[in-house]
Protein backbone atom coordinates (compact mmCIF):
# COMPACT_ATOMS: atom_id res chain seq x y z
CA UNK A 1 0.23 -0.16 -0.36
CA UNK A 2 1.08 3.60 -0.75
CA UNK A 3 -0.52 5.40 2.25
CA UNK A 4 3.13 6.14 3.39
CA UNK A 5 5.84 6.16 0.65
CA UNK A 6 7.89 9.00 0.77
CA UNK A 7 7.68 10.11 -3.50
CA UNK A 8 4.49 10.47 -2.69
CA UNK A 9 2.82 13.44 -4.73
CA UNK A 10 1.67 15.61 -2.56
CA UNK A 11 1.01 17.87 -5.44
CA UNK A 12 -1.80 15.85 -6.78
CA UNK A 13 -3.58 18.04 -3.43
CA UNK A 14 -3.57 14.72 -1.55
CA UNK A 15 -3.29 14.61 1.77
CA UNK A 16 -2.79 12.17 4.63
CA UNK A 17 -3.15 12.58 8.32
CA UNK A 18 -1.99 9.08 10.75
CA UNK A 19 -2.77 8.89 15.15
CA UNK A 20 0.09 5.97 14.98
CA UNK A 21 -0.34 3.07 17.70
CA UNK A 22 1.69 5.53 20.30
CA UNK A 23 -0.78 8.06 19.46
CA UNK A 24 -4.27 9.30 21.49
CA UNK A 25 -5.24 12.32 20.28
CA UNK A 26 -8.46 14.10 22.11
CA UNK A 27 -10.43 17.04 19.99
CA UNK A 28 -12.42 17.50 16.55
CA UNK A 29 -10.31 16.30 13.69
CA UNK A 30 -11.15 18.00 10.66
CA UNK A 31 -9.19 16.54 7.56
CA UNK A 32 -9.14 17.65 4.16
CA UNK A 33 -7.27 14.51 2.87
CA UNK A 34 -7.22 10.93 4.34
CA UNK A 35 -6.98 9.84 8.02
CA UNK A 36 -6.17 6.03 9.11
CA UNK A 37 -6.27 5.41 12.73
CA UNK A 38 -4.18 2.94 14.57
CA UNK A 39 -4.36 4.54 18.09
CA UNK A 40 -6.65 6.07 20.47
CA UNK A 41 -8.66 9.12 18.62
CA UNK A 42 -11.32 10.93 20.91
CA UNK A 43 -13.54 13.86 19.21
CA UNK A 44 -15.12 14.33 15.81
CA UNK A 45 -13.92 13.32 12.24
CA UNK A 46 -15.81 15.70 9.74
CA UNK A 47 -15.39 16.71 6.36
CA UNK A 48 -12.24 13.85 5.38
CA UNK A 49 -12.10 12.10 2.07
CA UNK A 50 -10.85 8.33 3.55
CA UNK A 51 -10.71 7.65 6.83
CA UNK A 52 -9.02 4.37 8.45
CA UNK A 53 -9.24 2.88 11.26
CA UNK A 54 -6.40 -0.40 11.53
CA UNK A 55 -7.37 -2.98 14.35
CA UNK A 56 -6.18 -1.83 17.00
CA UNK A 57 -7.12 1.96 16.76
CA UNK A 58 -10.52 3.06 18.58
CA UNK A 59 -12.23 6.50 17.57
CA UNK A 60 -15.02 7.80 19.75
CA UNK A 61 -16.76 10.33 18.19
CA UNK A 62 -18.70 10.68 15.09
CA UNK A 63 -16.78 10.19 11.82
CA UNK A 64 -18.42 11.90 8.71
CA UNK A 65 -16.69 11.32 4.26
CA UNK A 66 -16.72 10.17 2.13
CA UNK A 67 -15.74 6.48 2.54
CA UNK A 68 -14.88 4.88 5.76
CA UNK A 69 -12.90 1.51 6.19
CA UNK A 70 -13.20 0.09 10.38
CA UNK A 71 -11.37 -2.39 10.78
CA UNK A 72 -10.81 -1.09 14.93
CA UNK A 73 -13.56 -0.04 17.07
CA UNK A 74 -15.94 3.05 16.84
CA UNK A 75 -17.84 4.29 19.65
CA UNK A 76 -19.97 7.10 17.31
CA UNK A 77 -22.51 7.70 14.91
CA UNK A 78 -21.21 7.22 11.20
CA UNK A 79 -21.83 9.47 8.20
CA UNK A 80 -20.30 7.80 4.87
CA UNK A 81 -20.76 7.32 1.38
CA UNK A 82 -19.16 3.95 2.00
CA UNK A 83 -18.28 1.88 4.78
CA UNK A 84 -16.25 -1.12 5.01
CA UNK A 85 -16.49 -2.73 8.66
CA UNK A 86 -13.90 -5.45 8.49
CA UNK A 87 -13.41 -8.00 10.92
CA UNK A 88 -14.53 -8.17 13.68
CA UNK A 89 -14.25 -4.79 14.13
CA UNK A 90 -17.69 -2.85 16.17
CA UNK A 91 -19.33 0.00 15.08
CA UNK A 92 -21.50 1.04 18.19
CA UNK A 93 -23.50 3.84 16.73
CA UNK A 94 -26.26 4.71 14.16
CA UNK A 95 -24.94 4.08 10.50
CA UNK A 96 -25.82 6.40 7.16
CA UNK A 97 -24.20 5.02 4.60
CA UNK A 98 -25.13 5.38 0.67
CA UNK A 99 -23.27 1.77 0.30
CA UNK A 100 -22.34 -0.52 3.29
CA UNK A 101 -20.35 -3.97 3.09
CA UNK A 102 -19.64 -6.02 6.63
CA UNK A 103 -16.97 -8.82 6.37
CA UNK A 104 -18.24 -11.30 8.27
CA UNK A 105 -17.54 -11.22 12.31
CA UNK A 106 -18.04 -7.35 11.29
CA UNK A 107 -20.65 -5.87 13.93
CA UNK A 108 -22.52 -2.54 14.50
CA UNK A 109 -24.69 -2.19 17.47
CA UNK A 110 -26.93 0.95 16.68
CA UNK A 111 -29.28 2.07 13.36
CA UNK A 112 -28.03 1.59 9.93
CA UNK A 113 -29.86 3.55 7.30
CA UNK A 114 -28.27 2.46 3.65
CA UNK A 115 -28.85 3.51 0.52
CA UNK A 116 -30.39 6.81 -0.41
CA UNK A 117 -33.24 8.97 2.55
CA UNK A 118 -37.31 7.62 1.76
CA UNK A 119 -39.13 10.24 3.24
CA UNK A 120 -41.43 8.68 5.62
CA UNK A 121 -45.07 9.51 4.47
CA UNK A 122 -47.62 9.05 6.74
CA UNK A 123 -51.17 10.28 6.87
CA UNK A 124 -53.65 10.37 9.54
CA UNK A 125 -56.67 9.06 9.56
CA UNK A 126 -58.50 10.31 12.64
CA UNK A 127 -59.17 13.76 12.96
């Protein structure tokens, strides 16, 4: 994986941020590019392009990104265009995604809304 190649083309506009295994971060991250979490991040992740949570990574807070790949733990709500939950990852929170893949062994504790939002139209007959 060319995620940390020294010859990465930063002129392309793609930026990578890393919370390493030895790192603990507390606060909200507003990431314009991609984020990999192998340590612990306590706070929300906003506006990211890609968020990857490694097998030992943990996010305690909401995650909003185009693509989220969870191999560790997320304790918070996830909003993404594409969400992939790997085994034995877990998400404890509500999920809203256009597409989702869950490997066998991946766990979810929360409500999932997948696909385009559907308006709930009800009419009352007893007035």
